[in-house]
Amino acid sequence: SIIGFDDIQLAQYVRPKLTTIKQDMNKRAEKAIELLEAL
């Protein structure tokens, strides 16, 4: 058995599909731009 980390797009396309730990890239980008605008 194998488990990964990140949940990149490829993780759902490989066979078998990869169980993983997801970090939400969109939320990270949104928060980054929010903070940058404040700065």
Full PDB file with SEQRES, HELIX, SHEET, SSBOND, CRYST1, ORIGX, SCALE, CONECT and MASTER records, all heavy atoms in Angstrom:
SEQRES   1 A   39  SER ILE ILE GLY PHE ASP ASP ILE GLN LEU ALA GLN TYR          
SEQRES   2 A   39  VAL ARG PRO LYS LEU THR THR ILE LYS GLN ASP MET ASN          
SEQRES   3 A   39  LYS ARG ALA GLU LYS ALA ILE GLU LEU LEU GLU ALA LEU          
HELIX    1 AA1 GLN A    9  GLN A   12  5                                   4    
HELIX    2 AA2 MET A   25  ALA A   38  1                                  14    
SHEET    1 AA1 2 ILE A   3  ASP A   6  0                                        
SHEET    2 AA1 2 THR A  19  LYS A  22  1                                        
CRYST1    1.000    1.000    1.000  90.00  90.00  90.00 P 1           1          
ORIGX1      1.000000  0.000000  0.000000        0.00000                         
ORIGX2      0.000000  1.000000  0.000000        0.00000                         
ORIGX3      0.000000  0.000000  1.000000        0.00000                         
SCALE1      1.000000  0.000000  0.000000        0.00000                         
SCALE2      0.000000  1.000000  0.000000        0.00000                         
SCALE3      0.000000  0.000000  1.000000        0.00000                         
ATOM      1  N   SER A   1       0.826  -1.204   0.000  1.00  0.00           N  
ATOM      2  CA  SER A   1       0.000   0.000   0.000  1.00  0.00           C  
ATOM      3  C   SER A   1       0.859   1.252   0.000  1.00  0.00           C  
ATOM      4  O   SER A   1       1.963   1.272   0.560  1.00  0.00           O  
ATOM      5  CB  SER A   1      -0.923   0.007   1.222  1.00  0.00           C  
ATOM      6  OG  SER A   1      -1.864  -1.046   1.160  1.00  0.00           O  
ATOM      7  N   ILE A   2       0.334   2.314  -0.622  1.00  0.00           N  
ATOM      8  CA  ILE A   2       1.074   3.569  -0.731  1.00  0.00           C  
ATOM      9  C   ILE A   2       0.127   4.745  -0.515  1.00  0.00           C  
ATOM     10  O   ILE A   2      -0.988   4.770  -1.039  1.00  0.00           O  
ATOM     11  CB  ILE A   2       1.743   3.707  -2.117  1.00  0.00           C  
ATOM     12  CG1 ILE A   2       2.809   2.618  -2.308  1.00  0.00           C  
ATOM     13  CG2 ILE A   2       2.376   5.088  -2.285  1.00  0.00           C  
ATOM     14  CD1 ILE A   2       3.492   2.644  -3.661  1.00  0.00           C  
ATOM     15  N   ILE A   3       0.604   5.718   0.261  1.00  0.00           N  
ATOM     16  CA  ILE A   3      -0.133   6.967   0.442  1.00  0.00           C  
ATOM     17  C   ILE A   3       0.825   8.125   0.189  1.00  0.00           C  
ATOM     18  O   ILE A   3       2.008   8.054   0.534  1.00  0.00           O  
ATOM     19  CB  ILE A   3      -0.751   7.049   1.865  1.00  0.00           C  
ATOM     20  CG1 ILE A   3      -1.631   8.287   2.014  1.00  0.00           C  
ATOM     21  CG2 ILE A   3       0.328   7.035   2.935  1.00  0.00           C  
ATOM     22  CD1 ILE A   3      -2.452   8.285   3.301  1.00  0.00           C  
ATOM     23  N   GLY A   4       0.330   9.177  -0.472  1.00  0.00           N  
ATOM     24  CA  GLY A   4       1.175  10.314  -0.813  1.00  0.00           C  
ATOM     25  C   GLY A   4       0.811  11.566  -0.029  1.00  0.00           C  
ATOM     26  O   GLY A   4       0.130  11.515   0.996  1.00  0.00           O  
ATOM     27  N   PHE A   5       1.277  12.709  -0.539  1.00  0.00           N  
ATOM     28  CA  PHE A   5       1.004  14.000   0.099  1.00  0.00           C  
ATOM     29  C   PHE A   5       0.991  15.078  -0.980  1.00  0.00           C  
ATOM     30  O   PHE A   5       1.906  15.135  -1.795  1.00  0.00           O  
ATOM     31  CB  PHE A   5       2.091  14.327   1.137  1.00  0.00           C  
ATOM     32  CG  PHE A   5       1.669  15.341   2.165  1.00  0.00           C  
ATOM     33  CD1 PHE A   5       1.485  14.970   3.493  1.00  0.00           C  
ATOM     34  CD2 PHE A   5       1.468  16.675   1.817  1.00  0.00           C  
ATOM     35  CE1 PHE A   5       1.099  15.909   4.450  1.00  0.00           C  
ATOM     36  CE2 PHE A   5       1.079  17.611   2.755  1.00  0.00           C  
ATOM     37  CZ  PHE A   5       0.896  17.240   4.083  1.00  0.00           C  
ATOM     38  N   ASP A   6      -0.025  15.906  -0.999  1.00  0.00           N  
ATOM     39  CA  ASP A   6      -0.199  17.078  -1.862  1.00  0.00           C  
ATOM     40  C   ASP A   6      -1.522  17.039  -2.622  1.00  0.00           C  
ATOM     41  O   ASP A   6      -2.176  18.034  -2.789  1.00  0.00           O  
ATOM     42  CB  ASP A   6       0.938  17.274  -2.889  1.00  0.00           C  
ATOM     43  CG  ASP A   6       2.232  17.728  -2.246  1.00  0.00           C  
ATOM     44  OD1 ASP A   6       2.169  18.401  -1.188  1.00  0.00           O  
ATOM     45  OD2 ASP A   6       3.311  17.403  -2.780  1.00  0.00           O  
ATOM     46  N   ASP A   7      -1.899  15.850  -3.126  1.00  0.00           N  
ATOM     47  CA  ASP A   7      -3.067  15.693  -3.996  1.00  0.00           C  
ATOM     48  C   ASP A   7      -2.911  16.512  -5.270  1.00  0.00           C  
ATOM     49  O   ASP A   7      -3.775  17.317  -5.638  1.00  0.00           O  
ATOM     50  CB  ASP A   7      -4.373  16.062  -3.286  1.00  0.00           C  
ATOM     51  CG  ASP A   7      -5.609  15.558  -4.059  1.00  0.00           C  
ATOM     52  OD1 ASP A   7      -5.475  14.527  -4.752  1.00  0.00           O  
ATOM     53  OD2 ASP A   7      -6.675  16.183  -3.975  1.00  0.00           O  
ATOM     54  N   ILE A   8      -1.795  16.284  -5.980  1.00  0.00           N  
ATOM     55  CA  ILE A   8      -1.624  16.880  -7.295  1.00  0.00           C  
ATOM     56  C   ILE A   8      -2.639  16.257  -8.248  1.00  0.00           C  
ATOM     57  O   ILE A   8      -3.204  15.192  -7.981  1.00  0.00           O  
ATOM     58  CB  ILE A   8      -0.188  16.686  -7.824  1.00  0.00           C  
ATOM     59  CG1 ILE A   8       0.146  15.186  -7.959  1.00  0.00           C  
ATOM     60  CG2 ILE A   8       0.817  17.376  -6.916  1.00  0.00           C  
ATOM     61  CD1 ILE A   8       1.501  14.912  -8.593  1.00  0.00           C  
ATOM     62  N   GLN A   9      -2.878  16.881  -9.363  1.00  0.00           N  
ATOM     63  CA  GLN A   9      -3.909  16.434 -10.299  1.00  0.00           C  
ATOM     64  C   GLN A   9      -3.659  14.999 -10.774  1.00  0.00           C  
ATOM     65  O   GLN A   9      -4.588  14.217 -10.959  1.00  0.00           O  
ATOM     66  CB  GLN A   9      -3.976  17.380 -11.498  1.00  0.00           C  
ATOM     67  CG  GLN A   9      -5.174  17.157 -12.401  1.00  0.00           C  
ATOM     68  CD  GLN A   9      -5.299  18.216 -13.474  1.00  0.00           C  
ATOM     69  OE1 GLN A   9      -4.309  18.786 -13.918  1.00  0.00           O  
ATOM     70  NE2 GLN A   9      -6.514  18.493 -13.903  1.00  0.00           N  
ATOM     71  N   LEU A  10      -2.394  14.657 -10.948  1.00  0.00           N  
ATOM     72  CA  LEU A  10      -2.047  13.332 -11.451  1.00  0.00           C  
ATOM     73  C   LEU A  10      -2.474  12.213 -10.511  1.00  0.00           C  
ATOM     74  O   LEU A  10      -2.683  11.074 -10.938  1.00  0.00           O  
ATOM     75  CB  LEU A  10      -0.522  13.256 -11.688  1.00  0.00           C  
ATOM     76  CG  LEU A  10       0.021  12.053 -12.455  1.00  0.00           C  
ATOM     77  CD1 LEU A  10      -0.597  11.970 -13.846  1.00  0.00           C  
ATOM     78  CD2 LEU A  10       1.542  12.132 -12.546  1.00  0.00           C  
ATOM     79  N   ALA A  11      -2.642  12.526  -9.221  1.00  0.00           N  
ATOM     80  CA  ALA A  11      -2.975  11.504  -8.227  1.00  0.00           C  
ATOM     81  C   ALA A  11      -4.290  10.798  -8.530  1.00  0.00           C  
ATOM     82  O   ALA A  11      -4.467   9.620  -8.205  1.00  0.00           O  
ATOM     83  CB  ALA A  11      -3.025  12.129  -6.833  1.00  0.00           C  
ATOM     84  N   GLN A  12      -5.219  11.490  -9.168  1.00  0.00           N  
ATOM     85  CA  GLN A  12      -6.517  10.879  -9.457  1.00  0.00           C  
ATOM     86  C   GLN A  12      -6.558  10.205 -10.824  1.00  0.00           C  
ATOM     87  O   GLN A  12      -7.541   9.555 -11.168  1.00  0.00           O  
ATOM     88  CB  GLN A  12      -7.623  11.938  -9.379  1.00  0.00           C  
ATOM     89  CG  GLN A  12      -7.458  13.111 -10.325  1.00  0.00           C  
ATOM     90  CD  GLN A  12      -8.515  14.166 -10.105  1.00  0.00           C  
ATOM     91  OE1 GLN A  12      -9.711  13.853 -10.055  1.00  0.00           O  
ATOM     92  NE2 GLN A  12      -8.101  15.424  -9.965  1.00  0.00           N  
ATOM     93  N   TYR A  13      -5.474  10.344 -11.604  1.00  0.00           N  
ATOM     94  CA  TYR A  13      -5.441   9.755 -12.936  1.00  0.00           C  
ATOM     95  C   TYR A  13      -4.606   8.485 -13.024  1.00  0.00           C  
ATOM     96  O   TYR A  13      -4.795   7.680 -13.939  1.00  0.00           O  
ATOM     97  CB  TYR A  13      -4.915  10.779 -13.951  1.00  0.00           C  
ATOM     98  CG  TYR A  13      -5.804  11.977 -14.116  1.00  0.00           C  
ATOM     99  CD1 TYR A  13      -5.269  13.262 -14.208  1.00  0.00           C  
ATOM    100  CD2 TYR A  13      -7.190  11.844 -14.163  1.00  0.00           C  
ATOM    101  CE1 TYR A  13      -6.090  14.369 -14.353  1.00  0.00           C  
ATOM    102  CE2 TYR A  13      -8.019  12.949 -14.307  1.00  0.00           C  
ATOM    103  CZ  TYR A  13      -7.468  14.202 -14.402  1.00  0.00           C  
ATOM    104  OH  TYR A  13      -8.278  15.301 -14.543  1.00  0.00           O  
ATOM    105  N   VAL A  14      -3.652   8.316 -12.114  1.00  0.00           N  
ATOM    106  CA  VAL A  14      -2.835   7.100 -12.137  1.00  0.00           C  
ATOM    107  C   VAL A  14      -3.696   5.909 -11.732  1.00  0.00           C  
ATOM    108  O   VAL A  14      -4.772   6.063 -11.143  1.00  0.00           O  
ATOM    109  CB  VAL A  14      -1.616   7.219 -11.197  1.00  0.00           C  
ATOM    110  CG1 VAL A  14      -0.658   8.279 -11.703  1.00  0.00           C  
ATOM    111  CG2 VAL A  14      -2.046   7.523  -9.763  1.00  0.00           C  
ATOM    112  N   ARG A  15      -3.227   4.725 -12.041  1.00  0.00           N  
ATOM    113  CA  ARG A  15      -3.923   3.495 -11.658  1.00  0.00           C  
ATOM    114  C   ARG A  15      -2.983   2.618 -10.842  1.00  0.00           C  
ATOM    115  O   ARG A  15      -1.920   2.282 -11.323  1.00  0.00           O  
ATOM    116  CB  ARG A  15      -4.404   2.742 -12.903  1.00  0.00           C  
ATOM    117  CG  ARG A  15      -5.499   3.485 -13.658  1.00  0.00           C  
ATOM    118  CD  ARG A  15      -6.785   3.576 -12.819  1.00  0.00           C  
ATOM    119  NE  ARG A  15      -7.866   4.253 -13.524  1.00  0.00           N  
ATOM    120  CZ  ARG A  15      -8.076   5.559 -13.503  1.00  0.00           C  
ATOM    121  NH1 ARG A  15      -7.266   6.330 -12.791  1.00  0.00           N  
ATOM    122  NH2 ARG A  15      -9.066   6.104 -14.158  1.00  0.00           N  
ATOM    123  N   PRO A  16      -3.368   2.242  -9.612  1.00  0.00           N  
ATOM    124  CA  PRO A  16      -4.598   2.662  -8.940  1.00  0.00           C  
ATOM    125  C   PRO A  16      -4.541   4.139  -8.551  1.00  0.00           C  
ATOM    126  O   PRO A  16      -3.465   4.707  -8.399  1.00  0.00           O  
ATOM    127  CB  PRO A  16      -4.635   1.779  -7.700  1.00  0.00           C  
ATOM    128  CG  PRO A  16      -3.200   1.500  -7.397  1.00  0.00           C  
ATOM    129  CD  PRO A  16      -2.538   1.371  -8.748  1.00  0.00           C  
ATOM    130  N   LYS A  17      -5.717   4.744  -8.392  1.00  0.00           N  
ATOM    131  CA  LYS A  17      -5.781   6.136  -7.975  1.00  0.00           C  
ATOM    132  C   LYS A  17      -5.147   6.270  -6.598  1.00  0.00           C  
ATOM    133  O   LYS A  17      -5.353   5.434  -5.726  1.00  0.00           O  
ATOM    134  CB  LYS A  17      -7.232   6.612  -7.951  1.00  0.00           C  
ATOM    135  CG  LYS A  17      -7.904   6.614  -9.319  1.00  0.00           C  
ATOM    136  CD  LYS A  17      -9.353   7.069  -9.227  1.00  0.00           C  
ATOM    137  CE  LYS A  17     -10.018   7.039 -10.594  1.00  0.00           C  
ATOM    138  NZ  LYS A  17     -11.446   7.446 -10.527  1.00  0.00           N  
ATOM    139  N   LEU A  18      -4.393   7.337  -6.418  1.00  0.00           N  
ATOM    140  CA  LEU A  18      -3.557   7.487  -5.225  1.00  0.00           C  
ATOM    141  C   LEU A  18      -4.312   8.078  -4.038  1.00  0.00           C  
ATOM    142  O   LEU A  18      -4.889   9.165  -4.122  1.00  0.00           O  
ATOM    143  CB  LEU A  18      -2.356   8.372  -5.549  1.00  0.00           C  
ATOM    144  CG  LEU A  18      -1.325   8.568  -4.436  1.00  0.00           C  
ATOM    145  CD1 LEU A  18      -0.607   7.252  -4.124  1.00  0.00           C  
ATOM    146  CD2 LEU A  18      -0.316   9.654  -4.824  1.00  0.00           C  
ATOM    147  N   THR A  19      -4.293   7.351  -2.930  1.00  0.00           N  
ATOM    148  CA  THR A  19      -4.738   7.902  -1.651  1.00  0.00           C  
ATOM    149  C   THR A  19      -3.675   8.886  -1.178  1.00  0.00           C  
ATOM    150  O   THR A  19      -2.478   8.594  -1.241  1.00  0.00           O  
ATOM    151  CB  THR A  19      -4.947   6.785  -0.624  1.00  0.00           C  
ATOM    152  OG1 THR A  19      -6.040   5.965  -1.051  1.00  0.00           O  
ATOM    153  CG2 THR A  19      -5.257   7.349   0.749  1.00  0.00           C  
ATOM    154  N   THR A  20      -4.097  10.046  -0.691  1.00  0.00           N  
ATOM    155  CA  THR A  20      -3.112  11.075  -0.381  1.00  0.00           C  
ATOM    156  C   THR A  20      -3.650  12.069   0.637  1.00  0.00           C  
ATOM    157  O   THR A  20      -4.822  12.030   1.016  1.00  0.00           O  
ATOM    158  CB  THR A  20      -2.708  11.816  -1.687  1.00  0.00           C  
ATOM    159  OG1 THR A  20      -1.648  12.733  -1.424  1.00  0.00           O  
ATOM    160  CG2 THR A  20      -3.885  12.567  -2.275  1.00  0.00           C  
ATOM    161  N   ILE A  21      -2.765  12.961   1.075  1.00  0.00           N  
ATOM    162  CA  ILE A  21      -3.142  14.073   1.939  1.00  0.00           C  
ATOM    163  C   ILE A  21      -3.248  15.325   1.069  1.00  0.00           C  
ATOM    164  O   ILE A  21      -2.293  15.703   0.405  1.00  0.00           O  
ATOM    165  CB  ILE A  21      -2.111  14.292   3.062  1.00  0.00           C  
ATOM    166  CG1 ILE A  21      -1.961  13.024   3.912  1.00  0.00           C  
ATOM    167  CG2 ILE A  21      -2.516  15.475   3.925  1.00  0.00           C  
ATOM    168  CD1 ILE A  21      -3.224  12.575   4.619  1.00  0.00           C  
ATOM    169  N   LYS A  22      -4.402  15.957   1.088  1.00  0.00           N  
ATOM    170  CA  LYS A  22      -4.667  17.084   0.200  1.00  0.00           C  
ATOM    171  C   LYS A  22      -4.324  18.406   0.855  1.00  0.00           C  
ATOM    172  O   LYS A  22      -4.695  18.660   1.995  1.00  0.00           O  
ATOM    173  CB  LYS A  22      -6.149  17.093  -0.188  1.00  0.00           C  
ATOM    174  CG  LYS A  22      -6.568  18.273  -1.077  1.00  0.00           C  
ATOM    175  CD  LYS A  22      -8.062  18.221  -1.358  1.00  0.00           C  
ATOM    176  CE  LYS A  22      -8.514  19.363  -2.243  1.00  0.00           C  
ATOM    177  NZ  LYS A  22      -7.934  19.287  -3.595  1.00  0.00           N  
ATOM    178  N   GLN A  23      -3.605  19.230   0.121  1.00  0.00           N  
ATOM    179  CA  GLN A  23      -3.495  20.635   0.472  1.00  0.00           C  
ATOM    180  C   GLN A  23      -4.210  21.408  -0.632  1.00  0.00           C  
ATOM    181  O   GLN A  23      -3.982  21.178  -1.810  1.00  0.00           O  
ATOM    182  CB  GLN A  23      -2.050  21.082   0.619  1.00  0.00           C  
ATOM    183  CG  GLN A  23      -1.121  20.797  -0.558  1.00  0.00           C  
ATOM    184  CD  GLN A  23       0.186  21.542  -0.415  1.00  0.00           C  
ATOM    185  OE1 GLN A  23       0.204  22.753  -0.214  1.00  0.00           O  
ATOM    186  NE2 GLN A  23       1.292  20.823  -0.507  1.00  0.00           N  
ATOM    187  N   ASP A  24      -5.084  22.302  -0.246  1.00  0.00           N  
ATOM    188  CA  ASP A  24      -5.925  23.015  -1.199  1.00  0.00           C  
ATOM    189  C   ASP A  24      -5.139  24.168  -1.823  1.00  0.00           C  
ATOM    190  O   ASP A  24      -4.940  25.211  -1.199  1.00  0.00           O  
ATOM    191  CB  ASP A  24      -7.178  23.527  -0.492  1.00  0.00           C  
ATOM    192  CG  ASP A  24      -8.238  24.009  -1.458  1.00  0.00           C  
ATOM    193  OD1 ASP A  24      -7.864  24.643  -2.469  1.00  0.00           O  
ATOM    194  OD2 ASP A  24      -9.437  23.751  -1.218  1.00  0.00           O  
ATOM    195  N   MET A  25      -4.694  23.968  -3.063  1.00  0.00           N  
ATOM    196  CA  MET A  25      -3.887  24.983  -3.742  1.00  0.00           C  
ATOM    197  C   MET A  25      -4.662  26.276  -3.953  1.00  0.00           C  
ATOM    198  O   MET A  25      -4.108  27.376  -3.841  1.00  0.00           O  
ATOM    199  CB  MET A  25      -3.407  24.446  -5.098  1.00  0.00           C  
ATOM    200  CG  MET A  25      -2.511  23.231  -5.011  1.00  0.00           C  
ATOM    201  SD  MET A  25      -0.946  23.598  -4.196  1.00  0.00           S  
ATOM    202  CE  MET A  25      -0.077  22.054  -4.488  1.00  0.00           C  
ATOM    203  N   ASN A  26      -5.940  26.169  -4.283  1.00  0.00           N  
ATOM    204  CA  ASN A  26      -6.739  27.372  -4.535  1.00  0.00           C  
ATOM    205  C   ASN A  26      -6.868  28.227  -3.282  1.00  0.00           C  
ATOM    206  O   ASN A  26      -6.757  29.460  -3.334  1.00  0.00           O  
ATOM    207  CB  ASN A  26      -8.116  26.991  -5.062  1.00  0.00           C  
ATOM    208  CG  ASN A  26      -8.062  26.422  -6.465  1.00  0.00           C  
ATOM    209  OD1 ASN A  26      -7.207  26.807  -7.272  1.00  0.00           O  
ATOM    210  ND2 ASN A  26      -8.949  25.505  -6.767  1.00  0.00           N  
ATOM    211  N   LYS A  27      -7.094  27.569  -2.129  1.00  0.00           N  
ATOM    212  CA  LYS A  27      -7.197  28.312  -0.875  1.00  0.00           C  
ATOM    213  C   LYS A  27      -5.867  28.966  -0.525  1.00  0.00           C  
ATOM    214  O   LYS A  27      -5.832  30.091  -0.004  1.00  0.00           O  
ATOM    215  CB  LYS A  27      -7.658  27.395   0.254  1.00  0.00           C  
ATOM    216  CG  LYS A  27      -9.135  27.044   0.200  1.00  0.00           C  
ATOM    217  CD  LYS A  27      -9.562  26.248   1.411  1.00  0.00           C  
ATOM    218  CE  LYS A  27     -11.060  25.926   1.360  1.00  0.00           C  
ATOM    219  NZ  LYS A  27     -11.494  25.133   2.533  1.00  0.00           N  
ATOM    220  N   ARG A  28      -4.768  28.270  -0.787  1.00  0.00           N  
ATOM    221  CA  ARG A  28      -3.448  28.849  -0.497  1.00  0.00           C  
ATOM    222  C   ARG A  28      -3.213  30.074  -1.359  1.00  0.00           C  
ATOM    223  O   ARG A  28      -2.718  31.107  -0.887  1.00  0.00           O  
ATOM    224  CB  ARG A  28      -2.343  27.823  -0.749  1.00  0.00           C  
ATOM    225  CG  ARG A  28      -2.368  26.643   0.182  1.00  0.00           C  
ATOM    226  CD  ARG A  28      -1.123  25.801   0.045  1.00  0.00           C  
ATOM    227  NE  ARG A  28      -0.020  26.418   0.756  1.00  0.00           N  
ATOM    228  CZ  ARG A  28       1.202  25.908   0.796  1.00  0.00           C  
ATOM    229  NH1 ARG A  28       1.476  24.794   0.152  1.00  0.00           N  
ATOM    230  NH2 ARG A  28       2.157  26.491   1.482  1.00  0.00           N  
ATOM    231  N   ALA A  29      -3.577  29.960  -2.638  1.00  0.00           N  
ATOM    232  CA  ALA A  29      -3.386  31.091  -3.542  1.00  0.00           C  
ATOM    233  C   ALA A  29      -4.266  32.268  -3.128  1.00  0.00           C  
ATOM    234  O   ALA A  29      -3.807  33.417  -3.105  1.00  0.00           O  
ATOM    235  CB  ALA A  29      -3.702  30.657  -4.969  1.00  0.00           C  
ATOM    236  N   GLU A  30      -5.519  31.994  -2.794  1.00  0.00           N  
ATOM    237  CA  GLU A  30      -6.436  33.062  -2.374  1.00  0.00           C  
ATOM    238  C   GLU A  30      -5.927  33.770  -1.135  1.00  0.00           C  
ATOM    239  O   GLU A  30      -5.960  35.008  -1.033  1.00  0.00           O  
ATOM    240  CB  GLU A  30      -7.826  32.471  -2.112  1.00  0.00           C  
ATOM    241  CG  GLU A  30      -8.546  32.017  -3.376  1.00  0.00           C  
ATOM    242  CD  GLU A  30      -9.798  31.214  -3.071  1.00  0.00           C  
ATOM    243  OE1 GLU A  30     -10.114  31.059  -1.864  1.00  0.00           O  
ATOM    244  OE2 GLU A  30     -10.443  30.740  -4.017  1.00  0.00           O  
ATOM    245  N   LYS A  31      -5.460  33.005  -0.153  1.00  0.00           N  
ATOM    246  CA  LYS A  31      -4.942  33.601   1.081  1.00  0.00           C  
ATOM    247  C   LYS A  31      -3.665  34.390   0.800  1.00  0.00           C  
ATOM    248  O   LYS A  31      -3.464  35.479   1.367  1.00  0.00           O  
ATOM    249  CB  LYS A  31      -4.683  32.511   2.118  1.00  0.00           C  
ATOM    250  CG  LYS A  31      -4.088  33.006   3.433  1.00  0.00           C  
ATOM    251  CD  LYS A  31      -4.925  34.093   4.091  1.00  0.00           C  
ATOM    252  CE  LYS A  31      -6.243  33.578   4.580  1.00  0.00           C  
ATOM    253  NZ  LYS A  31      -6.969  34.614   5.375  1.00  0.00           N  
ATOM    254  N   ALA A  32      -2.815  33.861  -0.076  1.00  0.00           N  
ATOM    255  CA  ALA A  32      -1.574  34.552  -0.408  1.00  0.00           C  
ATOM    256  C   ALA A  32      -1.851  35.908  -1.047  1.00  0.00           C  
ATOM    257  O   ALA A  32      -1.243  36.924  -0.669  1.00  0.00           O  
ATOM    258  CB  ALA A  32      -0.732  33.693  -1.350  1.00  0.00           C  
ATOM    259  N   ILE A  33      -2.783  35.954  -1.993  1.00  0.00           N  
ATOM    260  CA  ILE A  33      -3.094  37.220  -2.661  1.00  0.00           C  
ATOM    261  C   ILE A  33      -3.781  38.182  -1.693  1.00  0.00           C  
ATOM    262  O   ILE A  33      -3.533  39.392  -1.714  1.00  0.00           O  
ATOM    263  CB  ILE A  33      -3.981  36.981  -3.899  1.00  0.00           C  
ATOM    264  CG1 ILE A  33      -3.306  35.979  -4.854  1.00  0.00           C  
ATOM    265  CG2 ILE A  33      -4.246  38.301  -4.615  1.00  0.00           C  
ATOM    266  CD1 ILE A  33      -1.873  36.294  -5.202  1.00  0.00           C  
ATOM    267  N   GLU A  34      -4.638  37.655  -0.823  1.00  0.00           N  
ATOM    268  CA  GLU A  34      -5.287  38.485   0.191  1.00  0.00           C  
ATOM    269  C   GLU A  34      -4.256  39.164   1.086  1.00  0.00           C  
ATOM    270  O   GLU A  34      -4.332  40.377   1.357  1.00  0.00           O  
ATOM    271  CB  GLU A  34      -6.230  37.620   1.033  1.00  0.00           C  
ATOM    272  CG  GLU A  34      -6.892  38.331   2.192  1.00  0.00           C  
ATOM    273  CD  GLU A  34      -7.647  37.384   3.098  1.00  0.00           C  
ATOM    274  OE1 GLU A  34      -8.209  36.395   2.601  1.00  0.00           O  
ATOM    275  OE2 GLU A  34      -7.679  37.630   4.326  1.00  0.00           O  
ATOM    276  N   LEU A  35      -3.277  38.396   1.540  1.00  0.00           N  
ATOM    277  CA  LEU A  35      -2.239  38.962   2.405  1.00  0.00           C  
ATOM    278  C   LEU A  35      -1.335  39.925   1.649  1.00  0.00           C  
ATOM    279  O   LEU A  35      -0.930  40.965   2.186  1.00  0.00           O  
ATOM    280  CB  LEU A  35      -1.406  37.831   3.015  1.00  0.00           C  
ATOM    281  CG  LEU A  35      -2.116  36.930   4.021  1.00  0.00           C  
ATOM    282  CD1 LEU A  35      -1.187  35.823   4.486  1.00  0.00           C  
ATOM    283  CD2 LEU A  35      -2.604  37.737   5.215  1.00  0.00           C  
ATOM    284  N   LEU A  36      -1.020  39.581   0.397  1.00  0.00           N  
ATOM    285  CA  LEU A  36      -0.146  40.447  -0.391  1.00  0.00           C  
ATOM    286  C   LEU A  36      -0.814  41.797  -0.635  1.00  0.00           C  
ATOM    287  O   LEU A  36      -0.163  42.847  -0.546  1.00  0.00           O  
ATOM    288  CB  LEU A  36       0.206  39.782  -1.721  1.00  0.00           C  
ATOM    289  CG  LEU A  36       1.218  40.543  -2.586  1.00  0.00           C  
ATOM    290  CD1 LEU A  36       2.543  40.711  -1.844  1.00  0.00           C  
ATOM    291  CD2 LEU A  36       1.443  39.831  -3.920  1.00  0.00           C  
ATOM    292  N   GLU A  37      -2.105  41.801  -0.928  1.00  0.00           N  
ATOM    293  CA  GLU A  37      -2.822  43.056  -1.125  1.00  0.00           C  
ATOM    294  C   GLU A  37      -2.823  43.895   0.153  1.00  0.00           C  
ATOM    295  O   GLU A  37      -2.720  45.131   0.096  1.00  0.00           O  
ATOM    296  CB  GLU A  37      -4.253  42.782  -1.580  1.00  0.00           C  
ATOM    297  CG  GLU A  37      -4.364  42.339  -3.024  1.00  0.00           C  
ATOM    298  CD  GLU A  37      -5.772  42.482  -3.572  1.00  0.00           C  
ATOM    299  OE1 GLU A  37      -6.692  41.918  -2.960  1.00  0.00           O  
ATOM    300  OE2 GLU A  37      -5.947  43.155  -4.609  1.00  0.00           O  
ATOM    301  N   ALA A  38      -2.925  43.233   1.297  1.00  0.00           N  
ATOM    302  CA  ALA A  38      -2.866  43.947   2.570  1.00  0.00           C  
ATOM    303  C   ALA A  38      -1.489  44.568   2.771  1.00  0.00           C  
ATOM    304  O   ALA A  38      -1.363  45.711   3.235  1.00  0.00           O  
ATOM    305  CB  ALA A  38      -3.202  43.005   3.718  1.00  0.00           C  
ATOM    306  N   LEU A  39      -0.451  43.834   2.409  1.00  0.00           N  
ATOM    307  CA  LEU A  39       0.911  44.352   2.519  1.00  0.00           C  
ATOM    308  C   LEU A  39       1.113  45.542   1.589  1.00  0.00           C  
ATOM    309  O   LEU A  39       1.739  46.541   1.958  1.00  0.00           O  
ATOM    310  CB  LEU A  39       1.917  43.251   2.185  1.00  0.00           C  
ATOM    311  CG  LEU A  39       2.079  42.126   3.207  1.00  0.00           C  
ATOM    312  CD1 LEU A  39       2.901  40.984   2.624  1.00  0.00           C  
ATOM    313  CD2 LEU A  39       2.739  42.645   4.485  1.00  0.00           C  
TER     314      LEU A  39                                                      
MASTER        0    0    0    2    2    0    0    6  313    1    0    3          
END                                                                             
